Amino acid sequence: MMKKLFALLLIVILAAGALAGCGETKESVVVGMITDTGGLGDQSFNDSAWYGLERAETDFGVERKVLESATADDYLPNLTSFSEENVELT
């Protein structure tokens, strides 16, 4: 479980760094977040990542999307959904 949380945090950090280096873009960037099973409102990792995406929306103008995972079985379908929509993953 901790490895998954660490991996998600690392992805968020890398995406934020990439966005910071983008400057102004002509296209809208859509950044997606897939929560762990705690979901939004967990007052922990998921909320911290969501706050980071809120800042990215304010600071860089990205569009944010979230898919909440009720169980571990939701991870793959959520990843697949964002992949098919060409959503940048965090």
C-alpha atoms as a PDB file:
ATOM      1  CA  MET A   1       0.000   0.000   0.000  1.00  0.00           C
ATOM      2  CA  MET A   2       2.757   2.456   0.917  1.00  0.00           C
ATOM      3  CA  LYS A   3       4.596   1.673  -2.325  1.00  0.00           C
ATOM      4  CA  LYS A   4       1.460   2.607  -4.292  1.00  0.00           C
ATOM      5  CA  LEU A   5       1.087   5.841  -2.352  1.00  0.00           C
ATOM      6  CA  PHE A   6       4.746   6.672  -2.881  1.00  0.00           C
ATOM      7  CA  ALA A   7       4.434   5.951  -6.604  1.00  0.00           C
ATOM      8  CA  LEU A   8       1.380   8.204  -6.898  1.00  0.00           C
ATOM      9  CA  LEU A   9       3.141  10.980  -4.989  1.00  0.00           C
ATOM     10  CA  LEU A  10       6.170  10.675  -7.242  1.00  0.00           C
ATOM     11  CA  ILE A  11       3.977  10.945 -10.328  1.00  0.00           C
ATOM     12  CA  VAL A  12       2.311  14.072  -8.930  1.00  0.00           C
ATOM     13  CA  ILE A  13       5.686  15.660  -8.238  1.00  0.00           C
ATOM     14  CA  LEU A  14       7.008  14.830 -11.697  1.00  0.00           C
ATOM     15  CA  ALA A  15       3.874  16.138 -13.389  1.00  0.00           C
ATOM     16  CA  ALA A  16       4.028  19.367 -11.399  1.00  0.00           C
ATOM     17  CA  GLY A  17       7.669  19.800 -12.395  1.00  0.00           C
ATOM     18  CA  ALA A  18       6.860  19.215 -16.023  1.00  0.00           C
ATOM     19  CA  LEU A  19       4.046  21.741 -15.885  1.00  0.00           C
ATOM     20  CA  ALA A  20       6.278  24.294 -14.206  1.00  0.00           C
ATOM     21  CA  GLY A  21       8.679  24.086 -17.133  1.00  0.00           C
ATOM     22  CA  CYS A  22       5.979  24.429 -19.762  1.00  0.00           C
ATOM     23  CA  GLY A  23       5.389  28.154 -19.517  1.00  0.00           C
ATOM     24  CA  GLU A  24       2.397  29.290 -21.495  1.00  0.00           C
ATOM     25  CA  THR A  25       0.784  26.672 -23.671  1.00  0.00           C
ATOM     26  CA  LYS A  26      -1.540  27.106 -26.596  1.00  0.00           C
ATOM     27  CA  GLU A  27      -3.435  23.903 -25.849  1.00  0.00           C
ATOM     28  CA  SER A  28      -5.344  23.097 -22.706  1.00  0.00           C
ATOM     29  CA  VAL A  29      -3.582  20.482 -20.614  1.00  0.00           C
ATOM     30  CA  VAL A  30      -5.850  18.026 -18.818  1.00  0.00           C
ATOM     31  CA  VAL A  31      -4.305  16.428 -15.742  1.00  0.00           C
ATOM     32  CA  GLY A  32      -6.016  13.464 -14.160  1.00  0.00           C
ATOM     33  CA  MET A  33      -5.726  12.122 -10.657  1.00  0.00           C
ATOM     34  CA  ILE A  34      -6.738   8.633  -9.636  1.00  0.00           C
ATOM     35  CA  THR A  35      -7.239   8.368  -5.909  1.00  0.00           C
ATOM     36  CA  ASP A  36      -6.268   5.556  -3.652  1.00  0.00           C
ATOM     37  CA  THR A  37      -9.151   3.754  -1.957  1.00  0.00           C
ATOM     38  CA  GLY A  38      -9.306   6.424   0.765  1.00  0.00           C
ATOM     39  CA  GLY A  39     -10.761   8.814  -1.810  1.00  0.00           C
ATOM     40  CA  LEU A  40     -11.057  12.558  -1.603  1.00  0.00           C
ATOM     41  CA  GLY A  41     -11.714  13.837   1.878  1.00  0.00           C
ATOM     42  CA  ASP A  42      -9.284  11.384   3.480  1.00  0.00           C
ATOM     43  CA  GLN A  43      -7.358  14.280   5.063  1.00  0.00           C
ATOM     44  CA  SER A  44      -4.173  12.577   3.908  1.00  0.00           C
ATOM     45  CA  PHE A  45      -2.427  11.656   0.662  1.00  0.00           C
ATOM     46  CA  ASN A  46      -5.402  11.976  -1.690  1.00  0.00           C
ATOM     47  CA  ASP A  47      -6.332  15.413  -0.379  1.00  0.00           C
ATOM     48  CA  SER A  48      -2.716  16.580  -0.623  1.00  0.00           C
ATOM     49  CA  ALA A  49      -2.492  15.487  -4.244  1.00  0.00           C
ATOM     50  CA  TRP A  50      -5.844  17.138  -5.039  1.00  0.00           C
ATOM     51  CA  TYR A  51      -4.626  20.369  -3.440  1.00  0.00           C
ATOM     52  CA  GLY A  52      -1.574  20.216  -5.709  1.00  0.00           C
ATOM     53  CA  LEU A  53      -3.820  19.883  -8.753  1.00  0.00           C
ATOM     54  CA  GLU A  54      -5.900  22.841  -7.569  1.00  0.00           C
ATOM     55  CA  ARG A  55      -2.689  24.882  -7.438  1.00  0.00           C
ATOM     56  CA  ALA A  56      -1.714  23.677 -10.927  1.00  0.00           C
ATOM     57  CA  GLU A  57      -5.124  24.769 -12.206  1.00  0.00           C
ATOM     58  CA  THR A  58      -4.713  28.214 -10.622  1.00  0.00           C
ATOM     59  CA  ASP A  59      -1.027  28.720 -11.430  1.00  0.00           C
ATOM     60  CA  PHE A  60      -0.774  27.042 -14.836  1.00  0.00           C
ATOM     61  CA  GLY A  61      -4.327  26.909 -16.184  1.00  0.00           C
ATOM     62  CA  VAL A  62      -4.518  23.135 -16.437  1.00  0.00           C
ATOM     63  CA  GLU A  63      -7.855  21.379 -16.406  1.00  0.00           C
ATOM     64  CA  ARG A  64      -8.121  18.781 -13.661  1.00  0.00           C
ATOM     65  CA  LYS A  65     -10.089  15.560 -13.506  1.00  0.00           C
ATOM     66  CA  VAL A  66     -10.366  12.974 -10.772  1.00  0.00           C
ATOM     67  CA  LEU A  67     -11.447   9.354 -10.680  1.00  0.00           C
ATOM     68  CA  GLU A  68     -11.917   7.852  -7.231  1.00  0.00           C
ATOM     69  CA  SER A  69     -10.993   4.231  -6.633  1.00  0.00           C
ATOM     70  CA  ALA A  70     -13.414   2.511  -4.258  1.00  0.00           C
ATOM     71  CA  THR A  71     -11.330  -0.684  -4.325  1.00  0.00           C
ATOM     72  CA  ALA A  72      -7.976  -1.787  -5.694  1.00  0.00           C
ATOM     73  CA  ASP A  73      -9.877  -3.362  -8.586  1.00  0.00           C
ATOM     74  CA  ASP A  74     -10.735   0.154  -9.787  1.00  0.00           C
ATOM     75  CA  TYR A  75      -7.110   1.166 -10.495  1.00  0.00           C
ATOM     76  CA  LEU A  76      -6.737  -0.494 -13.893  1.00  0.00           C
ATOM     77  CA  PRO A  77     -10.124   0.623 -15.295  1.00  0.00           C
ATOM     78  CA  ASN A  78      -9.452   4.182 -14.058  1.00  0.00           C
ATOM     79  CA  LEU A  79      -5.984   4.228 -15.639  1.00  0.00           C
ATOM     80  CA  THR A  80      -7.411   2.813 -18.862  1.00  0.00           C
ATOM     81  CA  SER A  81     -10.156   5.442 -18.926  1.00  0.00           C
ATOM     82  CA  PHE A  82      -7.710   8.340 -18.591  1.00  0.00           C
ATOM     83  CA  SER A  83      -5.355   6.765 -21.107  1.00  0.00           C
ATOM     84  CA  GLU A  84      -8.122   6.490 -23.681  1.00  0.00           C
ATOM     85  CA  GLU A  85      -9.036  10.149 -23.069  1.00  0.00           C
ATOM     86  CA  ASN A  86      -5.375  11.248 -23.440  1.00  0.00           C
ATOM     87  CA  VAL A  87      -5.433  12.689 -19.923  1.00  0.00           C
ATOM     88  CA  GLU A  88      -2.028  13.357 -18.351  1.00  0.00           C
ATOM     89  CA  LEU A  89      -1.765  11.169 -15.265  1.00  0.00           C
ATOM     90  CA  THR A  90      -0.658  12.279 -11.825  1.00  0.00           C
END
